[in-house]
C-alpha cells in the first residue's frame, strides 16, 4: 500500500532506493521499491509514514550468492548475462 506523505521534508532524500515518489505535489512511498530500511520514517516531521508488515507470500528470500542475484535480475529484465557470469 502506498502511504501519503504530507510534507516532503528529508524523507525522499534519505531513501536509498528511491521509493519515495511525488506526483502533483503529493509524496508517496512505493511499496514495490521499498526495502523497509526506515530512514524516511525517522526523518518525517509529521509522522505520516509507518511500516506495514508484508504478507509472507510477498516476501522474496535473498539469493544465496551474489551471482544468483545477478542471474535473477537478468532473468527478470530479459537480459542475457551468461557471458558475464560463470555457471
N, C-alpha and C. Protein backbone atom coordinates (compact mmCIF):
# COMPACT_ATOMS: atom_id res chain seq x y z
N UNK A 1 0.85 -1.18 0.00
CA UNK A 1 0.00 0.00 0.00
C UNK A 1 0.89 1.24 0.00
N UNK A 2 0.50 2.22 -0.75
CA UNK A 2 1.26 3.46 -0.79
C UNK A 2 0.80 4.37 0.35
N UNK A 3 1.76 4.91 1.06
CA UNK A 3 1.46 5.82 2.17
C UNK A 3 1.65 7.25 1.69
N UNK A 4 0.69 8.11 1.97
CA UNK A 4 0.82 9.52 1.59
C UNK A 4 1.72 10.23 2.58
N UNK A 5 2.55 11.08 2.06
CA UNK A 5 3.43 11.89 2.88
C UNK A 5 3.00 13.33 2.70
N UNK A 6 2.60 13.98 3.77
CA UNK A 6 2.07 15.34 3.66
C UNK A 6 3.16 16.38 3.45
N UNK A 7 4.34 16.16 3.97
CA UNK A 7 5.43 17.11 3.78
C UNK A 7 6.64 16.36 3.24
N UNK A 8 7.32 17.00 2.30
CA UNK A 8 8.50 16.38 1.69
C UNK A 8 9.58 16.14 2.72
N UNK A 9 9.93 17.18 3.47
CA UNK A 9 10.99 17.13 4.49
C UNK A 9 12.22 16.44 3.90
N UNK A 10 12.81 15.54 4.67
CA UNK A 10 14.00 14.84 4.22
C UNK A 10 13.69 13.42 3.75
N UNK A 11 12.44 13.00 3.87
CA UNK A 11 12.10 11.61 3.62
C UNK A 11 12.53 11.13 2.24
N UNK A 12 12.25 11.90 1.20
CA UNK A 12 12.59 11.45 -0.15
C UNK A 12 14.09 11.49 -0.40
N UNK A 13 14.79 12.39 0.27
CA UNK A 13 16.23 12.49 0.10
C UNK A 13 16.96 11.38 0.84
N UNK A 14 16.38 10.84 1.87
CA UNK A 14 17.04 9.81 2.69
C UNK A 14 16.83 8.40 2.16
N UNK A 15 15.88 8.20 1.29
CA UNK A 15 15.60 6.85 0.79
C UNK A 15 16.69 6.40 -0.18
N UNK A 16 17.37 5.30 0.16
CA UNK A 16 18.47 4.79 -0.64
C UNK A 16 18.01 4.16 -1.95
N UNK A 17 16.77 3.71 -2.02
CA UNK A 17 16.29 3.01 -3.21
C UNK A 17 15.29 3.82 -4.02
N UNK A 18 15.10 5.07 -3.67
CA UNK A 18 14.20 5.93 -4.43
C UNK A 18 12.74 5.54 -4.34
N UNK A 19 12.33 5.01 -3.19
CA UNK A 19 10.94 4.55 -3.04
C UNK A 19 9.97 5.69 -2.75
N UNK A 20 10.47 6.85 -2.34
CA UNK A 20 9.60 8.00 -2.08
C UNK A 20 9.43 8.74 -3.41
N UNK A 21 8.19 8.79 -3.89
CA UNK A 21 7.90 9.39 -5.19
C UNK A 21 6.94 10.55 -5.02
N UNK A 22 6.90 11.44 -6.01
CA UNK A 22 5.99 12.57 -5.96
C UNK A 22 5.17 12.64 -7.24
N UNK A 23 3.94 13.05 -7.09
CA UNK A 23 3.03 13.26 -8.22
C UNK A 23 2.06 14.35 -7.81
N UNK A 24 2.00 15.41 -8.59
CA UNK A 24 1.12 16.54 -8.30
C UNK A 24 1.31 17.10 -6.90
N UNK A 25 2.57 17.13 -6.44
CA UNK A 25 2.88 17.68 -5.13
C UNK A 25 2.56 16.77 -3.96
N UNK A 26 2.13 15.54 -4.22
CA UNK A 26 1.83 14.57 -3.16
C UNK A 26 2.94 13.52 -3.16
N UNK A 27 3.50 13.28 -2.00
CA UNK A 27 4.57 12.30 -1.87
C UNK A 27 4.00 10.97 -1.38
N UNK A 28 4.52 9.89 -1.98
CA UNK A 28 4.07 8.54 -1.62
C UNK A 28 5.26 7.61 -1.51
N UNK A 29 5.12 6.57 -0.71
CA UNK A 29 6.12 5.52 -0.63
C UNK A 29 5.66 4.39 -1.53
N UNK A 30 6.47 4.06 -2.53
CA UNK A 30 6.17 2.98 -3.46
C UNK A 30 6.54 1.66 -2.77
N UNK A 31 5.55 0.89 -2.41
CA UNK A 31 5.79 -0.34 -1.66
C UNK A 31 6.54 -1.40 -2.47
N UNK A 32 6.51 -1.30 -3.79
CA UNK A 32 7.25 -2.25 -4.63
C UNK A 32 8.76 -1.97 -4.57
N UNK A 33 9.13 -0.74 -4.36
CA UNK A 33 10.56 -0.37 -4.29
C UNK A 33 11.09 -0.37 -2.87
N UNK A 34 10.21 -0.14 -1.90
CA UNK A 34 10.62 0.00 -0.50
C UNK A 34 11.23 -1.30 0.03
N UNK A 35 12.39 -1.16 0.71
CA UNK A 35 13.04 -2.32 1.31
C UNK A 35 12.91 -2.32 2.83
N UNK A 36 12.20 -1.32 3.35
CA UNK A 36 11.91 -1.29 4.78
C UNK A 36 13.04 -0.84 5.68
N UNK A 37 13.97 -0.05 5.17
CA UNK A 37 15.09 0.40 5.99
C UNK A 37 14.64 1.39 7.06
N UNK A 38 13.71 2.29 6.72
CA UNK A 38 13.08 3.13 7.72
C UNK A 38 13.61 4.55 7.87
N UNK A 39 14.58 4.98 7.05
CA UNK A 39 15.07 6.34 7.19
C UNK A 39 13.99 7.37 6.90
N UNK A 40 13.09 7.08 6.00
CA UNK A 40 12.00 8.02 5.71
C UNK A 40 11.13 8.22 6.94
N UNK A 41 10.92 7.17 7.70
CA UNK A 41 10.10 7.26 8.91
C UNK A 41 10.76 8.15 9.95
N UNK A 42 12.05 7.94 10.14
CA UNK A 42 12.75 8.71 11.18
C UNK A 42 12.94 10.17 10.81
N UNK A 43 12.82 10.53 9.53
CA UNK A 43 13.01 11.92 9.13
C UNK A 43 11.71 12.65 8.80
N UNK A 44 10.59 11.97 8.84
CA UNK A 44 9.31 12.60 8.52
C UNK A 44 8.80 13.39 9.73
N UNK A 45 8.72 14.72 9.61
CA UNK A 45 8.32 15.54 10.76
C UNK A 45 6.84 15.40 11.13
N UNK A 46 6.02 14.91 10.23
CA UNK A 46 4.59 14.81 10.51
C UNK A 46 4.15 13.41 10.91
N UNK A 47 5.11 12.47 10.95
CA UNK A 47 4.81 11.07 11.28
C UNK A 47 3.75 10.49 10.35
N UNK A 48 3.79 10.91 9.08
CA UNK A 48 2.81 10.44 8.10
C UNK A 48 3.19 9.08 7.50
N UNK A 49 4.39 8.59 7.80
CA UNK A 49 4.85 7.31 7.26
C UNK A 49 4.90 6.29 8.38
N UNK A 50 4.50 5.08 8.07
CA UNK A 50 4.60 3.99 9.05
C UNK A 50 4.97 2.70 8.32
N UNK A 51 5.55 1.79 9.03
CA UNK A 51 5.88 0.48 8.46
C UNK A 51 4.64 -0.40 8.44
N UNK A 52 4.53 -1.19 7.40
CA UNK A 52 3.47 -2.18 7.32
C UNK A 52 4.11 -3.52 7.01
N UNK A 53 3.75 -4.51 7.78
CA UNK A 53 4.30 -5.85 7.57
C UNK A 53 3.76 -6.42 6.26
N UNK A 54 4.66 -6.96 5.47
CA UNK A 54 4.26 -7.59 4.21
C UNK A 54 3.72 -8.98 4.49
N UNK A 55 2.85 -9.44 3.60
CA UNK A 55 2.33 -10.79 3.76
C UNK A 55 3.46 -11.79 3.47
N UNK A 56 3.46 -12.94 4.12
CA UNK A 56 4.54 -13.93 3.93
C UNK A 56 4.75 -14.31 2.46
N UNK A 57 3.69 -14.39 1.68
CA UNK A 57 3.84 -14.79 0.28
C UNK A 57 4.47 -13.69 -0.59
N UNK A 58 4.46 -12.46 -0.11
CA UNK A 58 5.05 -11.37 -0.90
C UNK A 58 6.53 -11.14 -0.57
N UNK A 59 7.04 -11.81 0.44
CA UNK A 59 8.44 -11.63 0.83
C UNK A 59 9.31 -12.53 -0.03
N UNK A 60 10.31 -11.91 -0.66
CA UNK A 60 11.23 -12.64 -1.52
C UNK A 60 12.48 -12.97 -0.72
N UNK A 61 12.84 -14.24 -0.71
CA UNK A 61 14.03 -14.65 0.02
C UNK A 61 15.27 -14.11 -0.67
N UNK A 62 16.28 -13.71 0.09
CA UNK A 62 17.50 -13.21 -0.53
C UNK A 62 18.23 -14.34 -1.26
N UNK A 63 18.99 -14.00 -2.30
CA UNK A 63 19.72 -15.03 -3.03
C UNK A 63 20.85 -15.60 -2.17
N UNK A 64 21.28 -16.81 -2.52
CA UNK A 64 22.36 -17.45 -1.76
C UNK A 64 23.70 -16.80 -2.04
N UNK A 65 23.91 -16.38 -3.28
CA UNK A 65 25.18 -15.76 -3.65
C UNK A 65 24.90 -14.50 -4.47
N UNK A 66 25.94 -13.70 -4.64
CA UNK A 66 25.82 -12.50 -5.46
C UNK A 66 25.52 -12.88 -6.91
N UNK A 67 26.13 -13.97 -7.38
CA UNK A 67 25.88 -14.42 -8.75
C UNK A 67 24.42 -14.85 -8.94
N UNK A 68 23.83 -15.47 -7.93
CA UNK A 68 22.41 -15.83 -8.00
C UNK A 68 21.56 -14.58 -8.15
N UNK A 69 21.93 -13.51 -7.43
CA UNK A 69 21.19 -12.25 -7.52
C UNK A 69 21.29 -11.69 -8.93
N UNK A 70 22.51 -11.68 -9.51
CA UNK A 70 22.69 -11.19 -10.88
C UNK A 70 21.87 -11.99 -11.88
N UNK A 71 21.88 -13.30 -11.75
CA UNK A 71 21.12 -14.16 -12.66
C UNK A 71 19.62 -13.85 -12.59
N UNK A 72 19.11 -13.70 -11.38
CA UNK A 72 17.68 -13.43 -11.22
C UNK A 72 17.31 -12.07 -11.77
N UNK A 73 18.11 -11.05 -11.50
CA UNK A 73 17.85 -9.71 -12.03
C UNK A 73 17.88 -9.74 -13.56
N UNK A 74 18.83 -10.46 -14.13
CA UNK A 74 18.91 -10.56 -15.59
C UNK A 74 17.67 -11.25 -16.14
N UNK A 75 17.25 -12.32 -15.47
CA UNK A 75 16.06 -13.05 -15.93
C UNK A 75 14.83 -12.15 -15.90
N UNK A 76 14.65 -11.41 -14.83
CA UNK A 76 13.50 -10.51 -14.69
C UNK A 76 13.52 -9.44 -15.78
N UNK A 77 14.70 -8.94 -16.08
CA UNK A 77 14.84 -7.87 -17.06
C UNK A 77 14.95 -8.36 -18.51
N UNK A 78 15.02 -9.68 -18.69
CA UNK A 78 15.11 -10.23 -20.04
C UNK A 78 16.47 -10.00 -20.67
N UNK A 79 17.51 -9.98 -19.85
CA UNK A 79 18.87 -9.74 -20.34
C UNK A 79 19.69 -11.02 -20.23
N UNK A 80 20.48 -11.31 -21.27
CA UNK A 80 21.35 -12.48 -21.24
C UNK A 80 22.71 -12.08 -20.68
N UNK A 81 22.93 -12.41 -19.40
CA UNK A 81 24.20 -12.09 -18.76
C UNK A 81 25.12 -13.31 -18.71
N UNK A 82 24.77 -14.36 -19.43
CA UNK A 82 25.53 -15.61 -19.32
C UNK A 82 27.00 -15.45 -19.67
N UNK A 83 27.35 -14.53 -20.56
CA UNK A 83 28.76 -14.38 -20.90
C UNK A 83 29.53 -13.61 -19.83
N UNK A 84 28.83 -13.00 -18.89
CA UNK A 84 29.49 -12.24 -17.82
C UNK A 84 29.55 -13.00 -16.50
N UNK A 85 28.62 -13.93 -16.30
CA UNK A 85 28.52 -14.62 -15.02
C UNK A 85 28.80 -16.11 -15.23
N UNK A 86 29.74 -16.66 -14.48
CA UNK A 86 30.04 -18.11 -14.61
C UNK A 86 28.88 -18.94 -14.07
N UNK A 87 28.72 -20.11 -14.63
CA UNK A 87 27.67 -21.04 -14.13
C UNK A 87 28.12 -21.78 -12.91
